[in-house]
Amino acid sequence: MKTLQAGDKAPQFSLQNQDDQTVSLSDYAGKKVLVYFYPKAMTPGCTVQAQGLRDVNDELKEKNVVVLGISPDAVKRLPKFIEKENLNFTLLSDEDHAVADAFGVRGPKKFMGKEYDGIHRLTFLIDENGVVEHVFNKFKTKEHHTVVLDYLNS
């Protein structure tokens, strides 16, 4: 698992969103994009993380930041998550893990003594020119949005 670092060019990607429309990173040229990877919609940690981003999304927009959440969930699962949690940002389906692999967020994980390949909870702030500005890799799910805002306000 070779994770992208600050200064790396972000890989271009196109994925289906919750409305089954194609969304590409290039659609957001001139804006900062907060690409956050999460393991599975409607699980406790992923829900808390999404709720936090939902609650500060207006502040993020004021800072020219667009939020894109990416998971290996099927497209049909995403609208349920958005509706249930009243999410106000785009979710993208990466079922084949191609984007997760390109960003270096998929690798060995342990849960209840079992080891498996999974999505690591990492977030990338991509600048207006498509370069990784910052990688958020140390946070608790309930503090994720605060960590992001603190960085943007510093």
Protein backbone atom coordinates (compact mmCIF):
# COMPACT_ATOMS: atom_id res chain seq x y z
CA MET A 1 0.00 0.00 0.00
CA LYS A 2 1.84 3.11 -1.25
CA THR A 3 -0.28 6.03 -0.10
CA LEU A 4 -0.15 9.36 -1.94
CA GLN A 5 1.65 12.12 -0.06
CA ALA A 6 1.46 15.91 -0.06
CA GLY A 7 3.00 17.19 -3.28
CA ASP A 8 1.92 14.18 -5.37
CA LYS A 9 -0.28 14.74 -8.41
CA ALA A 10 -3.75 13.37 -7.65
CA PRO A 11 -4.80 10.56 -9.98
CA GLN A 12 -7.61 11.54 -12.34
CA PHE A 13 -10.71 9.44 -11.86
CA SER A 14 -14.34 9.12 -12.89
CA LEU A 15 -16.86 7.25 -10.74
CA GLN A 16 -20.64 6.92 -10.48
CA ASN A 17 -22.33 9.03 -7.81
CA GLN A 18 -25.45 8.37 -5.75
CA ASP A 19 -27.61 9.38 -8.75
CA ASP A 20 -25.71 6.98 -11.05
CA GLN A 21 -24.12 9.94 -12.87
CA THR A 22 -20.44 10.06 -13.77
CA VAL A 23 -18.40 12.43 -11.63
CA SER A 24 -14.76 13.16 -12.44
CA LEU A 25 -12.09 14.86 -10.38
CA SER A 26 -11.52 17.18 -13.36
CA ASP A 27 -15.11 18.48 -12.92
CA TYR A 28 -13.78 20.48 -9.96
CA ALA A 29 -10.81 22.24 -11.56
CA GLY A 30 -10.24 25.56 -9.78
CA LYS A 31 -11.64 24.25 -6.49
CA LYS A 32 -10.10 22.38 -3.61
CA VAL A 33 -11.47 18.85 -3.32
CA LEU A 34 -11.63 16.92 -0.07
CA VAL A 35 -11.55 13.27 -1.15
CA TYR A 36 -12.32 11.07 1.81
CA PHE A 37 -12.28 7.29 1.69
CA TYR A 38 -14.52 5.32 4.02
CA PRO A 39 -15.00 1.55 4.31
CA LYS A 40 -18.79 1.10 4.21
CA ALA A 41 -21.92 3.26 4.19
CA MET A 42 -24.30 3.11 7.14
CA THR A 43 -21.80 1.63 9.58
CA PRO A 44 -21.26 3.45 12.90
CA GLY A 45 -17.83 5.02 12.22
CA CYS A 46 -18.62 5.96 8.63
CA THR A 47 -21.93 7.49 9.69
CA VAL A 48 -20.35 9.67 12.39
CA GLN A 49 -17.65 10.80 9.95
CA ALA A 50 -20.22 11.68 7.26
CA GLN A 51 -22.44 13.54 9.74
CA GLY A 52 -19.49 15.70 10.80
CA LEU A 53 -18.70 16.66 7.20
CA ARG A 54 -22.40 17.31 6.58
CA ASP A 55 -22.52 19.69 9.53
CA VAL A 56 -19.53 21.78 8.38
CA ASN A 57 -20.13 21.57 4.62
CA ASP A 58 -21.24 25.23 4.41
CA GLU A 59 -17.96 26.31 6.03
CA LEU A 60 -16.04 24.10 3.62
CA LYS A 61 -17.86 25.62 0.63
CA GLU A 62 -16.94 29.11 1.91
CA LYS A 63 -13.30 27.98 1.66
CA ASN A 64 -13.82 26.76 -1.96
CA VAL A 65 -13.72 23.10 -0.84
CA VAL A 66 -15.91 20.38 -2.38
CA VAL A 67 -16.41 17.09 -0.51
CA LEU A 68 -16.33 13.72 -2.30
CA GLY A 69 -16.82 10.57 -0.24
CA ILE A 70 -15.56 7.36 -1.86
CA SER A 71 -16.32 3.81 -0.76
CA PRO A 72 -16.52 0.35 -2.32
CA ASP A 73 -20.30 0.42 -1.82
CA ALA A 74 -22.54 -0.27 -4.82
CA VAL A 75 -24.17 2.80 -6.38
CA LYS A 76 -27.63 1.64 -5.23
CA ARG A 77 -26.51 1.79 -1.56
CA LEU A 78 -25.37 5.42 -1.71
CA PRO A 79 -28.78 7.19 -2.01
CA LYS A 80 -29.98 5.32 1.08
CA PHE A 81 -27.00 6.63 3.08
CA ILE A 82 -27.54 10.18 1.80
CA GLU A 83 -31.25 10.11 2.58
CA LYS A 84 -30.91 8.46 5.99
CA GLU A 85 -28.22 10.90 7.17
CA ASN A 86 -29.38 13.95 5.19
CA LEU A 87 -25.93 14.25 3.58
CA ASN A 88 -25.23 17.37 1.51
CA PHE A 89 -22.23 16.23 -0.51
CA THR A 90 -21.44 13.72 -3.23
CA LEU A 91 -20.77 10.04 -2.58
CA LEU A 92 -19.00 7.92 -5.19
CA SER A 93 -18.91 4.16 -5.76
CA ASP A 94 -15.50 2.51 -6.22
CA GLU A 95 -16.62 -1.13 -6.32
CA ASP A 96 -13.54 -2.37 -8.17
CA HIS A 97 -11.19 -0.44 -5.81
CA ALA A 98 -9.36 1.18 -8.76
CA VAL A 99 -9.44 4.68 -7.22
CA ALA A 100 -8.67 3.38 -3.72
CA ASP A 101 -5.66 1.57 -5.17
CA ALA A 102 -4.55 4.67 -7.11
CA PHE A 103 -4.61 6.72 -3.88
CA GLY A 104 -3.02 3.90 -1.89
CA VAL A 105 -5.78 3.48 0.68
CA ARG A 106 -6.51 -0.24 0.31
CA GLY A 107 -4.42 -2.76 2.18
CA PRO A 108 -4.19 -5.19 5.07
CA LYS A 109 -6.46 -4.54 8.06
CA LYS A 110 -7.29 -6.45 11.22
CA PHE A 111 -10.70 -6.75 12.83
CA MET A 112 -11.55 -9.11 15.68
CA GLY A 113 -8.40 -11.12 15.08
CA LYS A 114 -9.02 -11.60 11.36
CA GLU A 115 -6.81 -10.05 8.71
CA TYR A 116 -8.26 -8.93 5.38
CA ASP A 117 -7.75 -6.35 2.62
CA GLY A 118 -9.83 -3.28 3.23
CA ILE A 119 -10.19 0.48 2.82
CA HIS A 120 -8.16 2.58 5.23
CA ARG A 121 -9.88 5.72 6.46
CA LEU A 122 -7.75 8.43 4.80
CA THR A 123 -8.63 11.86 3.48
CA PHE A 124 -6.82 13.89 0.82
CA LEU A 125 -7.10 17.64 0.30
CA ILE A 126 -6.41 18.25 -3.38
CA ASP A 127 -5.60 21.81 -4.38
CA GLU A 128 -6.97 23.82 -7.29
CA ASN A 129 -4.23 22.45 -9.57
CA GLY A 130 -4.87 18.77 -8.85
CA VAL A 131 -1.98 18.30 -6.42
CA VAL A 132 -2.35 16.65 -3.00
CA GLU A 133 -1.99 19.53 -0.54
CA HIS A 134 -2.49 17.55 2.66
CA VAL A 135 -3.20 13.98 3.80
CA PHE A 136 -5.36 13.50 6.89
CA ASN A 137 -4.39 10.15 8.37
CA LYS A 138 -4.57 10.63 12.13
CA PHE A 139 -8.05 11.35 13.44
CA LYS A 140 -10.98 9.83 15.25
CA THR A 141 -14.11 9.56 13.08
CA LYS A 142 -16.09 11.91 15.32
CA GLU A 143 -13.30 14.55 15.09
CA HIS A 144 -12.54 14.21 11.36
CA HIS A 145 -14.43 17.37 10.33
CA THR A 146 -12.77 19.40 13.10
CA VAL A 147 -9.29 18.22 12.04
CA VAL A 148 -10.05 19.25 8.44
CA LEU A 149 -11.39 22.68 9.45
CA ASP A 150 -8.47 23.29 11.82
CA TYR A 151 -6.06 22.63 8.95
CA LEU A 152 -7.97 24.90 6.56
CA ASN A 153 -8.11 27.68 9.17
CA SER A 154 -4.40 27.48 10.06
